[in-house]
Each structure stands twice: as structure tokens, then as C-alpha cells.
Amino acid sequence: MASSVLVSQQDSVWRLDRDGELFAELVVTGGDFPWLNAQVVARAGFAQVRPLFEEELRRLDHIDEDRRAWEAAYQRIREAVRLITPDGRAVPEFLLHIDGEDAWWRWSDETFDHTPEQ
């Protein structure tokens, strides 16, 4: 469960990395529980993953027509990045969207059960 303390903290900085390489900082600007909003500060390497986020948003716009396409696009993001809390812990579960310099996400300290839908 996400900590309500972190949701209320302005100026918290979350990080995105891949294989230990920092490629973006997410500077929290607000939120509406359970979502956090942030400004993206891109670092070296972010250009390599930006297309994944662009594709995910395109698929999200049409999720009612093709949910599996969105799920596949989001899975590519999850395979490519780790979300790191301000205190340095990797988040086991998160749903992160990035549109230009804006990010919004929700997260959990516990891994979700990923059993296939029947």
C-alpha cells in the first residue's frame, strides 16, 4: 500500500533507472491519492525509453478497443525501467505514465498477483 505521507510531500524526487543507470528524476508536484504527479527531469539515456511511454499513451487512448495491446505496451515499460522511491527502494508494482515532461503514477509496496485472465 502506498504511504499517504509520501503522497502529501511536495518536492519529493523519485527516480527511474535501468540496470542501475539513472535516466530520469520525477520531481513530485502534487497528487490525488493514490496518484502522484511530477515533472520529468530527463537524464542521459531517457531518449531510449521515451518511445515506450509514447506508445503506451497511444494504446491507453484506445484501451476499450484493445486492452491487450495496451497491456503489451505497458509490459515493455515494466521490463525496461525501475521506479525508485525518494528513500532509495525499488517499487515492486507501479503504473506510470509519462507525457512529455509530465508524469503520473500509482504504486504499491507489494507485488500484485499476475495470474492470466480466464
PDB file of N, CA and C in Angstrom:
ATOM      1  N   MET A   1       0.845  -1.170   0.000  1.00  0.00           N
ATOM      2  CA  MET A   1       0.000   0.000   0.000  1.00  0.00           C
ATOM      3  C   MET A   1       0.889   1.232   0.000  1.00  0.00           C
ATOM      4  N   ALA A   2       0.546   2.230  -0.781  1.00  0.00           N
ATOM      5  CA  ALA A   2       1.328   3.456  -0.873  1.00  0.00           C
ATOM      6  C   ALA A   2       1.209   4.250   0.418  1.00  0.00           C
ATOM      7  N   SER A   3       2.285   4.868   0.810  1.00  0.00           N
ATOM      8  CA  SER A   3       2.284   5.658   2.024  1.00  0.00           C
ATOM      9  C   SER A   3       1.629   7.009   1.779  1.00  0.00           C
ATOM     10  N   SER A   4       0.647   7.369   2.588  1.00  0.00           N
ATOM     11  CA  SER A   4      -0.012   8.661   2.440  1.00  0.00           C
ATOM     12  C   SER A   4       0.931   9.797   2.797  1.00  0.00           C
ATOM     13  N   VAL A   5       1.979   9.517   3.579  1.00  0.00           N
ATOM     14  CA  VAL A   5       2.958  10.546   3.911  1.00  0.00           C
ATOM     15  C   VAL A   5       3.672  11.013   2.647  1.00  0.00           C
ATOM     16  N   LEU A   6       4.094  10.064   1.798  1.00  0.00           N
ATOM     17  CA  LEU A   6       4.788  10.442   0.570  1.00  0.00           C
ATOM     18  C   LEU A   6       3.868  11.178  -0.385  1.00  0.00           C
ATOM     19  N   VAL A   7       2.591  10.825  -0.406  1.00  0.00           N
ATOM     20  CA  VAL A   7       1.653  11.476  -1.306  1.00  0.00           C
ATOM     21  C   VAL A   7       1.550  12.957  -0.972  1.00  0.00           C
ATOM     22  N   SER A   8       1.641  13.310   0.310  1.00  0.00           N
ATOM     23  CA  SER A   8       1.467  14.700   0.707  1.00  0.00           C
ATOM     24  C   SER A   8       2.753  15.520   0.612  1.00  0.00           C
ATOM     25  N   GLN A   9       3.874  14.903   0.400  1.00  0.00           N
ATOM     26  CA  GLN A   9       5.139  15.630   0.361  1.00  0.00           C
ATOM     27  C   GLN A   9       5.383  16.248  -1.007  1.00  0.00           C
ATOM     28  N   GLN A  10       5.483  17.573  -1.032  1.00  0.00           N
ATOM     29  CA  GLN A  10       5.887  18.267  -2.249  1.00  0.00           C
ATOM     30  C   GLN A  10       7.407  18.177  -2.352  1.00  0.00           C
ATOM     31  N   ASP A  11       7.918  18.281  -3.532  1.00  0.00           N
ATOM     32  CA  ASP A  11       9.356  18.291  -3.792  1.00  0.00           C
ATOM     33  C   ASP A  11      10.054  16.966  -3.506  1.00  0.00           C
ATOM     34  N   SER A  12       9.308  15.879  -3.371  1.00  0.00           N
ATOM     35  CA  SER A  12       9.932  14.559  -3.295  1.00  0.00           C
ATOM     36  C   SER A  12      10.469  14.229  -4.682  1.00  0.00           C
ATOM     37  N   VAL A  13      11.577  13.534  -4.728  1.00  0.00           N
ATOM     38  CA  VAL A  13      12.156  13.156  -6.016  1.00  0.00           C
ATOM     39  C   VAL A  13      12.235  11.636  -6.096  1.00  0.00           C
ATOM     40  N   TRP A  14      11.493  11.093  -7.040  1.00  0.00           N
ATOM     41  CA  TRP A  14      11.551   9.676  -7.360  1.00  0.00           C
ATOM     42  C   TRP A  14      12.491   9.533  -8.547  1.00  0.00           C
ATOM     43  N   ARG A  15      12.976   8.320  -8.792  1.00  0.00           N
ATOM     44  CA  ARG A  15      13.927   8.126  -9.886  1.00  0.00           C
ATOM     45  C   ARG A  15      13.493   6.956 -10.766  1.00  0.00           C
ATOM     46  N   LEU A  16      13.863   7.042 -12.022  1.00  0.00           N
ATOM     47  CA  LEU A  16      13.718   5.926 -12.944  1.00  0.00           C
ATOM     48  C   LEU A  16      15.103   5.480 -13.331  1.00  0.00           C
ATOM     49  N   ASP A  17      15.315   4.176 -13.286  1.00  0.00           N
ATOM     50  CA  ASP A  17      16.611   3.679 -13.732  1.00  0.00           C
ATOM     51  C   ASP A  17      16.439   2.378 -14.495  1.00  0.00           C
ATOM     52  N   ARG A  18      17.524   1.989 -15.111  1.00  0.00           N
ATOM     53  CA  ARG A  18      17.601   0.703 -15.805  1.00  0.00           C
ATOM     54  C   ARG A  18      18.997   0.173 -15.548  1.00  0.00           C
ATOM     55  N   ASP A  19      19.054  -1.026 -15.002  1.00  0.00           N
ATOM     56  CA  ASP A  19      20.342  -1.655 -14.693  1.00  0.00           C
ATOM     57  C   ASP A  19      21.223  -0.729 -13.857  1.00  0.00           C
ATOM     58  N   GLY A  20      20.608   0.005 -12.920  1.00  0.00           N
ATOM     59  CA  GLY A  20      21.356   0.888 -12.037  1.00  0.00           C
ATOM     60  C   GLY A  20      21.716   2.230 -12.627  1.00  0.00           C
ATOM     61  N   GLU A  21      21.374   2.482 -13.890  1.00  0.00           N
ATOM     62  CA  GLU A  21      21.688   3.757 -14.536  1.00  0.00           C
ATOM     63  C   GLU A  21      20.498   4.702 -14.425  1.00  0.00           C
ATOM     64  N   LEU A  22      20.690   5.828 -13.749  1.00  0.00           N
ATOM     65  CA  LEU A  22      19.659   6.845 -13.612  1.00  0.00           C
ATOM     66  C   LEU A  22      19.405   7.489 -14.966  1.00  0.00           C
ATOM     67  N   PHE A  23      18.151   7.527 -15.402  1.00  0.00           N
ATOM     68  CA  PHE A  23      17.869   8.222 -16.648  1.00  0.00           C
ATOM     69  C   PHE A  23      16.734   9.212 -16.546  1.00  0.00           C
ATOM     70  N   ALA A  24      16.081   9.323 -15.375  1.00  0.00           N
ATOM     71  CA  ALA A  24      15.094  10.387 -15.162  1.00  0.00           C
ATOM     72  C   ALA A  24      14.827  10.546 -13.686  1.00  0.00           C
ATOM     73  N   GLU A  25      14.568  11.778 -13.307  1.00  0.00           N
ATOM     74  CA  GLU A  25      14.088  12.083 -11.970  1.00  0.00           C
ATOM     75  C   GLU A  25      12.660  12.587 -12.106  1.00  0.00           C
ATOM     76  N   LEU A  26      11.821  12.180 -11.176  1.00  0.00           N
ATOM     77  CA  LEU A  26      10.421  12.597 -11.165  1.00  0.00           C
ATOM     78  C   LEU A  26      10.233  13.469  -9.928  1.00  0.00           C
ATOM     79  N   VAL A  27      10.131  14.771 -10.149  1.00  0.00           N
ATOM     80  CA  VAL A  27      10.005  15.740  -9.060  1.00  0.00           C
ATOM     81  C   VAL A  27       8.516  15.928  -8.782  1.00  0.00           C
ATOM     82  N   VAL A  28       8.070  15.436  -7.631  1.00  0.00           N
ATOM     83  CA  VAL A  28       6.643  15.452  -7.293  1.00  0.00           C
ATOM     84  C   VAL A  28       6.134  16.886  -7.200  1.00  0.00           C
ATOM     85  N   THR A  29       5.034  17.135  -7.895  1.00  0.00           N
ATOM     86  CA  THR A  29       4.398  18.451  -7.899  1.00  0.00           C
ATOM     87  C   THR A  29       3.035  18.427  -7.217  1.00  0.00           C
ATOM     88  N   GLY A  30       2.518  17.240  -6.939  1.00  0.00           N
ATOM     89  CA  GLY A  30       1.210  17.117  -6.294  1.00  0.00           C
ATOM     90  C   GLY A  30       0.694  15.714  -6.465  1.00  0.00           C
ATOM     91  N   GLY A  31      -0.593  15.565  -6.258  1.00  0.00           N
ATOM     92  CA  GLY A  31      -1.194  14.264  -6.426  1.00  0.00           C
ATOM     93  C   GLY A  31      -2.616  14.252  -5.918  1.00  0.00           C
ATOM     94  N   ASP A  32      -3.296  13.188  -6.259  1.00  0.00           N
ATOM     95  CA  ASP A  32      -4.653  12.939  -5.803  1.00  0.00           C
ATOM     96  C   ASP A  32      -4.696  11.449  -5.500  1.00  0.00           C
ATOM     97  N   PHE A  33      -4.535  11.105  -4.209  1.00  0.00           N
ATOM     98  CA  PHE A  33      -4.374   9.718  -3.802  1.00  0.00           C
ATOM     99  C   PHE A  33      -5.319   8.813  -4.569  1.00  0.00           C
ATOM    100  N   PRO A  34      -4.800   7.732  -5.159  1.00  0.00           N
ATOM    101  CA  PRO A  34      -3.473   7.146  -4.969  1.00  0.00           C
ATOM    102  C   PRO A  34      -2.443   7.616  -6.003  1.00  0.00           C
ATOM    103  N   TRP A  35      -2.766   8.603  -6.800  1.00  0.00           N
ATOM    104  CA  TRP A  35      -1.868   9.051  -7.869  1.00  0.00           C
ATOM    105  C   TRP A  35      -0.924  10.139  -7.387  1.00  0.00           C
ATOM    106  N   LEU A  36       0.312  10.111  -7.887  1.00  0.00           N
ATOM    107  CA  LEU A  36       1.279  11.192  -7.715  1.00  0.00           C
ATOM    108  C   LEU A  36       1.500  11.833  -9.075  1.00  0.00           C
ATOM    109  N   ASN A  37       1.771  13.133  -9.082  1.00  0.00           N
ATOM    110  CA  ASN A  37       2.088  13.865 -10.302  1.00  0.00           C
ATOM    111  C   ASN A  37       3.482  14.436 -10.159  1.00  0.00           C
ATOM    112  N   ALA A  38       4.210  14.507 -11.272  1.00  0.00           N
ATOM    113  CA  ALA A  38       5.583  15.007 -11.196  1.00  0.00           C
ATOM    114  C   ALA A  38       6.014  15.634 -12.509  1.00  0.00           C
ATOM    115  N   GLN A  39       7.063  16.399 -12.409  1.00  0.00           N
ATOM    116  CA  GLN A  39       7.765  16.956 -13.555  1.00  0.00           C
ATOM    117  C   GLN A  39       8.931  16.016 -13.852  1.00  0.00           C
ATOM    118  N   VAL A  40       9.086  15.633 -15.109  1.00  0.00           N
ATOM    119  CA  VAL A  40      10.156  14.726 -15.508  1.00  0.00           C
ATOM    120  C   VAL A  40      11.417  15.526 -15.806  1.00  0.00           C
ATOM    121  N   VAL A  41      12.510  15.150 -15.147  1.00  0.00           N
ATOM    122  CA  VAL A  41      13.818  15.722 -15.444  1.00  0.00           C
ATOM    123  C   VAL A  41      14.606  14.607 -16.112  1.00  0.00           C
ATOM    124  N   ALA A  42      14.673  14.671 -17.440  1.00  0.00           N
ATOM    125  CA  ALA A  42      15.334  13.616 -18.219  1.00  0.00           C
ATOM    126  C   ALA A  42      16.844  13.692 -18.059  1.00  0.00           C
ATOM    127  N   ARG A  43      17.460  12.543 -18.013  1.00  0.00           N
ATOM    128  CA  ARG A  43      18.920  12.403 -17.953  1.00  0.00           C
ATOM    129  C   ARG A  43      19.377  11.615 -19.176  1.00  0.00           C
ATOM    130  N   ALA A  44      20.679  11.408 -19.282  1.00  0.00           N
ATOM    131  CA  ALA A  44      21.226  10.623 -20.388  1.00  0.00           C
ATOM    132  C   ALA A  44      20.544   9.262 -20.410  1.00  0.00           C
ATOM    133  N   GLY A  45      20.189   8.807 -21.562  1.00  0.00           N
ATOM    134  CA  GLY A  45      19.567   7.504 -21.707  1.00  0.00           C
ATOM    135  C   GLY A  45      18.049   7.537 -21.743  1.00  0.00           C
ATOM    136  N   PHE A  46      17.429   8.624 -21.296  1.00  0.00           N
ATOM    137  CA  PHE A  46      15.970   8.666 -21.285  1.00  0.00           C
ATOM    138  C   PHE A  46      15.390   8.602 -22.694  1.00  0.00           C
ATOM    139  N   ALA A  47      16.097   9.153 -23.646  1.00  0.00           N
ATOM    140  CA  ALA A  47      15.611   9.125 -25.036  1.00  0.00           C
ATOM    141  C   ALA A  47      15.380   7.695 -25.524  1.00  0.00           C
ATOM    142  N   GLN A  48      16.105   6.737 -24.955  1.00  0.00           N
ATOM    143  CA  GLN A  48      15.946   5.340 -25.360  1.00  0.00           C
ATOM    144  C   GLN A  48      14.621   4.751 -24.895  1.00  0.00           C
ATOM    145  N   VAL A  49      14.087   5.224 -23.770  1.00  0.00           N
ATOM    146  CA  VAL A  49      12.825   4.669 -23.263  1.00  0.00           C
ATOM    147  C   VAL A  49      11.622   5.565 -23.521  1.00  0.00           C
ATOM    148  N   ARG A  50      11.838   6.812 -23.893  1.00  0.00           N
ATOM    149  CA  ARG A  50      10.712   7.725 -24.148  1.00  0.00           C
ATOM    150  C   ARG A  50       9.721   7.132 -25.147  1.00  0.00           C
ATOM    151  N   PRO A  51      10.164   6.498 -26.242  1.00  0.00           N
ATOM    152  CA  PRO A  51       9.193   5.920 -27.187  1.00  0.00           C
ATOM    153  C   PRO A  51       8.281   4.867 -26.553  1.00  0.00           C
ATOM    154  N   LEU A  52       8.760   4.169 -25.539  1.00  0.00           N
ATOM    155  CA  LEU A  52       7.906   3.193 -24.843  1.00  0.00           C
ATOM    156  C   LEU A  52       6.736   3.887 -24.161  1.00  0.00           C
ATOM    157  N   PHE A  53       7.010   5.022 -23.530  1.00  0.00           N
ATOM    158  CA  PHE A  53       5.951   5.769 -22.860  1.00  0.00           C
ATOM    159  C   PHE A  53       4.993   6.401 -23.874  1.00  0.00           C
ATOM    160  N   GLU A  54       5.527   6.865 -24.982  1.00  0.00           N
ATOM    161  CA  GLU A  54       4.660   7.433 -26.028  1.00  0.00           C
ATOM    162  C   GLU A  54       3.720   6.376 -26.585  1.00  0.00           C
ATOM    163  N   GLU A  55       4.239   5.185 -26.836  1.00  0.00           N
ATOM    164  CA  GLU A  55       3.411   4.091 -27.350  1.00  0.00           C
ATOM    165  C   GLU A  55       2.358   3.676 -26.318  1.00  0.00           C
ATOM    166  N   GLU A  56       2.750   3.616 -25.055  1.00  0.00           N
ATOM    167  CA  GLU A  56       1.799   3.230 -24.001  1.00  0.00           C
ATOM    168  C   GLU A  56       0.633   4.212 -23.954  1.00  0.00           C
ATOM    169  N   LEU A  57       0.890   5.513 -24.053  1.00  0.00           N
ATOM    170  CA  LEU A  57      -0.199   6.501 -24.040  1.00  0.00           C
ATOM    171  C   LEU A  57      -1.098   6.366 -25.259  1.00  0.00           C
ATOM    172  N   ARG A  58      -0.508   6.095 -26.420  1.00  0.00           N
ATOM    173  CA  ARG A  58      -1.338   5.882 -27.624  1.00  0.00           C
ATOM    174  C   ARG A  58      -2.268   4.694 -27.417  1.00  0.00           C
ATOM    175  N   ARG A  59      -1.727   3.620 -26.846  1.00  0.00           N
ATOM    176  CA  ARG A  59      -2.543   2.418 -26.587  1.00  0.00           C
ATOM    177  C   ARG A  59      -3.583   2.687 -25.495  1.00  0.00           C
ATOM    178  N   LEU A  60      -3.216   3.476 -24.495  1.00  0.00           N
ATOM    179  CA  LEU A  60      -4.145   3.796 -23.413  1.00  0.00           C
ATOM    180  C   LEU A  60      -5.363   4.554 -23.941  1.00  0.00           C
ATOM    181  N   ASP A  61      -5.151   5.422 -24.917  1.00  0.00           N
ATOM    182  CA  ASP A  61      -6.266   6.170 -25.521  1.00  0.00           C
ATOM    183  C   ASP A  61      -7.292   5.249 -26.163  1.00  0.00           C
ATOM    184  N   HIS A  62      -6.884   4.018 -26.510  1.00  0.00           N
ATOM    185  CA  HIS A  62      -7.779   3.071 -27.188  1.00  0.00           C
ATOM    186  C   HIS A  62      -7.933   1.776 -26.391  1.00  0.00           C
ATOM    187  N   ILE A  63      -7.796   1.879 -25.074  1.00  0.00           N
ATOM    188  CA  ILE A  63      -7.817   0.682 -24.238  1.00  0.00           C
ATOM    189  C   ILE A  63      -9.144  -0.066 -24.325  1.00  0.00           C
ATOM    190  N   ASP A  64     -10.239   0.645 -24.508  1.00  0.00           N
ATOM    191  CA  ASP A  64     -11.546  -0.027 -24.603  1.00  0.00           C
ATOM    192  C   ASP A  64     -11.651  -0.882 -25.862  1.00  0.00           C
ATOM    193  N   GLU A  65     -10.917  -0.513 -26.899  1.00  0.00           N
ATOM    194  CA  GLU A  65     -10.950  -1.265 -28.147  1.00  0.00           C
ATOM    195  C   GLU A  65      -9.955  -2.431 -28.159  1.00  0.00           C
ATOM    196  N   ASP A  66      -8.835  -2.272 -27.449  1.00  0.00           N
ATOM    197  CA  ASP A  66      -7.803  -3.308 -27.491  1.00  0.00           C
ATOM    198  C   ASP A  66      -6.961  -3.273 -26.216  1.00  0.00           C
ATOM    199  N   ARG A  67      -7.500  -3.846 -25.163  1.00  0.00           N
ATOM    200  CA  ARG A  67      -6.819  -3.850 -23.874  1.00  0.00           C
ATOM    201  C   ARG A  67      -5.489  -4.599 -23.927  1.00  0.00           C
ATOM    202  N   ARG A  68      -5.449  -5.695 -24.662  1.00  0.00           N
ATOM    203  CA  ARG A  68      -4.218  -6.496 -24.735  1.00  0.00           C
ATOM    204  C   ARG A  68      -3.062  -5.710 -25.353  1.00  0.00           C
ATOM    205  N   ALA A  69      -3.357  -4.857 -26.326  1.00  0.00           N
ATOM    206  CA  ALA A  69      -2.299  -4.040 -26.931  1.00  0.00           C
ATOM    207  C   ALA A  69      -1.717  -3.080 -25.896  1.00  0.00           C
ATOM    208  N   TRP A  70      -2.602  -2.484 -25.061  1.00  0.00           N
ATOM    209  CA  TRP A  70      -2.104  -1.606 -24.009  1.00  0.00           C
ATOM    210  C   TRP A  70      -1.284  -2.404 -23.005  1.00  0.00           C
ATOM    211  N   GLU A  71      -1.773  -3.564 -22.593  1.00  0.00           N
ATOM    212  CA  GLU A  71      -1.048  -4.386 -21.625  1.00  0.00           C
ATOM    213  C   GLU A  71       0.336  -4.749 -22.146  1.00  0.00           C
ATOM    214  N   ALA A  72       0.432  -5.084 -23.408  1.00  0.00           N
ATOM    215  CA  ALA A  72       1.731  -5.427 -24.003  1.00  0.00           C
ATOM    216  C   ALA A  72       2.658  -4.211 -24.012  1.00  0.00           C
ATOM    217  N   ALA A  73       2.114  -3.045 -24.355  1.00  0.00           N
ATOM    218  CA  ALA A  73       2.921  -1.817 -24.371  1.00  0.00           C
ATOM    219  C   ALA A  73       3.406  -1.493 -22.963  1.00  0.00           C
ATOM    220  N   TYR A  74       2.534  -1.656 -21.977  1.00  0.00           N
ATOM    221  CA  TYR A  74       2.945  -1.350 -20.612  1.00  0.00           C
ATOM    222  C   TYR A  74       3.955  -2.373 -20.091  1.00  0.00           C
ATOM    223  N   GLN A  75       3.808  -3.610 -20.486  1.00  0.00           N
ATOM    224  CA  GLN A  75       4.778  -4.635 -20.069  1.00  0.00           C
ATOM    225  C   GLN A  75       6.182  -4.285 -20.564  1.00  0.00           C
ATOM    226  N   ARG A  76       6.285  -3.698 -21.748  1.00  0.00           N
ATOM    227  CA  ARG A  76       7.602  -3.285 -22.250  1.00  0.00           C
ATOM    228  C   ARG A  76       8.214  -2.208 -21.352  1.00  0.00           C
ATOM    229  N   ILE A  77       7.378  -1.315 -20.820  1.00  0.00           N
ATOM    230  CA  ILE A  77       7.876  -0.305 -19.877  1.00  0.00           C
ATOM    231  C   ILE A  77       8.380  -0.989 -18.616  1.00  0.00           C
ATOM    232  N   ARG A  78       7.585  -1.898 -18.076  1.00  0.00           N
ATOM    233  CA  ARG A  78       7.956  -2.578 -16.826  1.00  0.00           C
ATOM    234  C   ARG A  78       9.249  -3.373 -16.986  1.00  0.00           C
ATOM    235  N   GLU A  79       9.490  -3.906 -18.160  1.00  0.00           N
ATOM    236  CA  GLU A  79      10.727  -4.645 -18.406  1.00  0.00           C
ATOM    237  C   GLU A  79      11.924  -3.719 -18.574  1.00  0.00           C
ATOM    238  N   ALA A  80      11.670  -2.460 -18.930  1.00  0.00           N
ATOM    239  CA  ALA A  80      12.755  -1.536 -19.251  1.00  0.00           C
ATOM    240  C   ALA A  80      13.170  -0.631 -18.091  1.00  0.00           C
ATOM    241  N   VAL A  81      12.278  -0.397 -17.128  1.00  0.00           N
ATOM    242  CA  VAL A  81      12.589   0.587 -16.088  1.00  0.00           C
ATOM    243  C   VAL A  81      12.260   0.080 -14.690  1.00  0.00           C
ATOM    244  N   ARG A  82      12.931   0.696 -13.723  1.00  0.00           N
ATOM    245  CA  ARG A  82      12.596   0.509 -12.307  1.00  0.00           C
ATOM    246  C   ARG A  82      12.220   1.878 -11.757  1.00  0.00           C
ATOM    247  N   LEU A  83      11.207   1.902 -10.896  1.00  0.00           N
ATOM    248  CA  LEU A  83      10.806   3.116 -10.200  1.00  0.00           C
ATOM    249  C   LEU A  83      11.382   3.040  -8.793  1.00  0.00           C
ATOM    250  N   ILE A  84      12.124   4.078  -8.410  1.00  0.00           N
ATOM    251  CA  ILE A  84      12.821   4.116  -7.132  1.00  0.00           C
ATOM    252  C   ILE A  84      12.223   5.224  -6.261  1.00  0.00           C
ATOM    253  N   THR A  85      11.870   4.888  -5.023  1.00  0.00           N
ATOM    254  CA  THR A  85      11.292   5.862  -4.096  1.00  0.00           C
ATOM    255  C   THR A  85      12.338   6.892  -3.679  1.00  0.00           C
ATOM    256  N   PRO A  86      11.892   8.005  -3.087  1.00  0.00           N
ATOM    257  CA  PRO A  86      12.855   9.006  -2.612  1.00  0.00           C
ATOM    258  C   PRO A  86      13.856   8.455  -1.595  1.00  0.00           C
ATOM    259  N   ASP A  87      13.479   7.390  -0.861  1.00  0.00           N
ATOM    260  CA  ASP A  87      14.425   6.826   0.106  1.00  0.00           C
ATOM    261  C   ASP A  87      15.271   5.690  -0.474  1.00  0.00           C
ATOM    262  N   GLY A  88      15.189   5.477  -1.802  1.00  0.00           N
ATOM    263  CA  GLY A  88      16.090   4.556  -2.470  1.00  0.00           C
ATOM    264  C   GLY A  88      15.600   3.134  -2.673  1.00  0.00           C
ATOM    265  N   ARG A  89      14.345   2.841  -2.352  1.00  0.00           N
ATOM    266  CA  ARG A  89      13.810   1.490  -2.531  1.00  0.00           C
ATOM    267  C   ARG A  89      13.179   1.335  -3.902  1.00  0.00           C
ATOM    268  N   ALA A  90      13.419   0.206  -4.547  1.00  0.00           N
ATOM    269  CA  ALA A  90      12.748  -0.108  -5.812  1.00  0.00           C
ATOM    270  C   ALA A  90      11.304  -0.485  -5.495  1.00  0.00           C
ATOM    271  N   VAL A  91      10.384   0.036  -6.280  1.00  0.00           N
ATOM    272  CA  VAL A  91       8.955  -0.225  -6.082  1.00  0.00           C
ATOM    273  C   VAL A  91       8.595  -1.506  -6.834  1.00  0.00           C
ATOM    274  N   PRO A  92       8.006  -2.496  -6.145  1.00  0.00           N
ATOM    275  CA  PRO A  92       7.685  -3.751  -6.820  1.00  0.00           C
ATOM    276  C   PRO A  92       6.557  -3.633  -7.846  1.00  0.00           C
ATOM    277  N   GLU A  93       5.592  -2.752  -7.599  1.00  0.00           N
ATOM    278  CA  GLU A  93       4.464  -2.591  -8.523  1.00  0.00           C
ATOM    279  C   GLU A  93       4.179  -1.120  -8.742  1.00  0.00           C
ATOM    280  N   PHE A  94       3.972  -0.740  -9.999  1.00  0.00           N
ATOM    281  CA  PHE A  94       3.617   0.643 -10.294  1.00  0.00           C
ATOM    282  C   PHE A  94       2.952   0.725 -11.660  1.00  0.00           C
ATOM    283  N   LEU A  95       2.165   1.771 -11.809  1.00  0.00           N
ATOM    284  CA  LEU A  95       1.548   2.116 -13.082  1.00  0.00           C
ATOM    285  C   LEU A  95       1.970   3.545 -13.359  1.00  0.00           C
ATOM    286  N   LEU A  96       2.849   3.736 -14.322  1.00  0.00           N
ATOM    287  CA  LEU A  96       3.488   5.022 -14.599  1.00  0.00           C
ATOM    288  C   LEU A  96       3.184   5.457 -16.024  1.00  0.00           C
ATOM    289  N   HIS A  97       2.754   6.708 -16.153  1.00  0.00           N
ATOM    290  CA  HIS A  97       2.536   7.309 -17.468  1.00  0.00           C
ATOM    291  C   HIS A  97       3.433   8.535 -17.564  1.00  0.00           C
ATOM    292  N   ILE A  98       4.034   8.729 -18.722  1.00  0.00           N
ATOM    293  CA  ILE A  98       4.825   9.937 -18.975  1.00  0.00           C
ATOM    294  C   ILE A  98       4.363  10.519 -20.299  1.00  0.00           C
ATOM    295  N   ASP A  99       4.024  11.810 -20.257  1.00  0.00           N
ATOM    296  CA  ASP A  99       3.587  12.547 -21.445  1.00  0.00           C
ATOM    297  C   ASP A  99       4.427  13.814 -21.507  1.00  0.00           C
ATOM    298  N   GLY A 100       5.424  13.814 -22.376  1.00  0.00           N
ATOM    299  CA  GLY A 100       6.330  14.960 -22.452  1.00  0.00           C
ATOM    300  C   GLY A 100       7.124  15.085 -21.164  1.00  0.00           C
ATOM    301  N   GLU A 101       6.926  16.207 -20.473  1.00  0.00           N
ATOM    302  CA  GLU A 101       7.635  16.456 -19.216  1.00  0.00           C
ATOM    303  C   GLU A 101       6.762  16.178 -17.989  1.00  0.00           C
ATOM    304  N   ASP A 102       5.571  15.636 -18.204  1.00  0.00           N
ATOM    305  CA  ASP A 102       4.652  15.342 -17.105  1.00  0.00           C
ATOM    306  C   ASP A 102       4.576  13.845 -16.857  1.00  0.00           C
ATOM    307  N   ALA A 103       4.570  13.468 -15.581  1.00  0.00           N
ATOM    308  CA  ALA A 103       4.441  12.057 -15.202  1.00  0.00           C
ATOM    309  C   ALA A 103       3.351  11.947 -14.148  1.00  0.00           C
ATOM    310  N   TRP A 104       2.672  10.811 -14.146  1.00  0.00           N
ATOM    311  CA  TRP A 104       1.741  10.486 -13.074  1.00  0.00           C
ATOM    312  C   TRP A 104       1.763   8.987 -12.888  1.00  0.00           C
ATOM    313  N   TRP A 105       1.655   8.556 -11.619  1.00  0.00           N
ATOM    314  CA  TRP A 105       1.756   7.143 -11.317  1.00  0.00           C
ATOM    315  C   TRP A 105       1.098   6.825  -9.986  1.00  0.00           C
ATOM    316  N   ARG A 106       0.839   5.544  -9.839  1.00  0.00           N
ATOM    317  CA  ARG A 106       0.429   4.966  -8.568  1.00  0.00           C
ATOM    318  C   ARG A 106       1.335   3.776  -8.331  1.00  0.00           C
ATOM    319  N   TRP A 107       1.467   3.356  -7.084  1.00  0.00           N
ATOM    320  CA  TRP A 107       2.436   2.309  -6.781  1.00  0.00           C
ATOM    321  C   TRP A 107       2.005   1.513  -5.565  1.00  0.00           C
ATOM    322  N   SER A 108       2.671   0.396  -5.372  1.00  0.00           N
ATOM    323  CA  SER A 108       2.414  -0.472  -4.237  1.00  0.00           C
ATOM    324  C   SER A 108       3.725  -1.061  -3.741  1.00  0.00           C
ATOM    325  N   ASP A 109       3.807  -1.239  -2.436  1.00  0.00           N
ATOM    326  CA  ASP A 109       4.965  -1.891  -1.829  1.00  0.00           C
ATOM    327  C   ASP A 109       4.904  -3.403  -1.976  1.00  0.00           C
ATOM    328  N   GLU A 110       3.773  -3.927  -2.430  1.00  0.00           N
ATOM    329  CA  GLU A 110       3.590  -5.367  -2.559  1.00  0.00           C
ATOM    330  C   GLU A 110       3.396  -5.750  -4.018  1.00  0.00           C
ATOM    331  N   THR A 111       3.948  -6.890  -4.389  1.00  0.00           N
ATOM    332  CA  THR A 111       3.794  -7.405  -5.745  1.00  0.00           C
ATOM    333  C   THR A 111       2.366  -7.875  -5.943  1.00  0.00           C
ATOM    334  N   PHE A 112       1.789  -7.523  -7.095  1.00  0.00           N
ATOM    335  CA  PHE A 112       0.444  -7.978  -7.428  1.00  0.00           C
ATOM    336  C   PHE A 112       0.507  -9.400  -7.938  1.00  0.00           C
ATOM    337  N   ASP A 113      -0.591 -10.108  -7.806  1.00  0.00           N
ATOM    338  CA  ASP A 113      -0.717 -11.443  -8.383  1.00  0.00           C
ATOM    339  C   ASP A 113      -0.990 -11.259  -9.870  1.00  0.00           C
ATOM    340  N   HIS A 114      -0.090 -11.736 -10.715  1.00  0.00           N
ATOM    341  CA  HIS A 114      -0.234 -11.575 -12.171  1.00  0.00           C
ATOM    342  C   HIS A 114      -0.735 -12.847 -12.821  1.00  0.00           C
ATOM    343  N   THR A 115      -1.816 -13.405 -12.304  1.00  0.00           N
ATOM    344  CA  THR A 115      -2.359 -14.602 -12.932  1.00  0.00           C
ATOM    345  C   THR A 115      -3.087 -14.203 -14.196  1.00  0.00           C
ATOM    346  N   PRO A 116      -2.954 -14.977 -15.258  1.00  0.00           N
ATOM    347  CA  PRO A 116      -3.612 -14.652 -16.526  1.00  0.00           C
ATOM    348  C   PRO A 116      -5.121 -14.640 -16.357  1.00  0.00           C
ATOM    349  N   GLU A 117      -5.747 -13.724 -17.119  1.00  0.00           N
ATOM    350  CA  GLU A 117      -7.212 -13.663 -17.110  1.00  0.00           C
ATOM    351  C   GLU A 117      -7.783 -14.898 -17.769  1.00  0.00           C
ATOM    352  N   GLN A 118      -8.906 -15.366 -17.261  1.00  0.00           N
ATOM    353  CA  GLN A 118      -9.577 -16.550 -17.816  1.00  0.00           C
ATOM    354  C   GLN A 118     -10.408 -16.165 -19.025  1.00  0.00           C
TER     355      GLN A 118
END
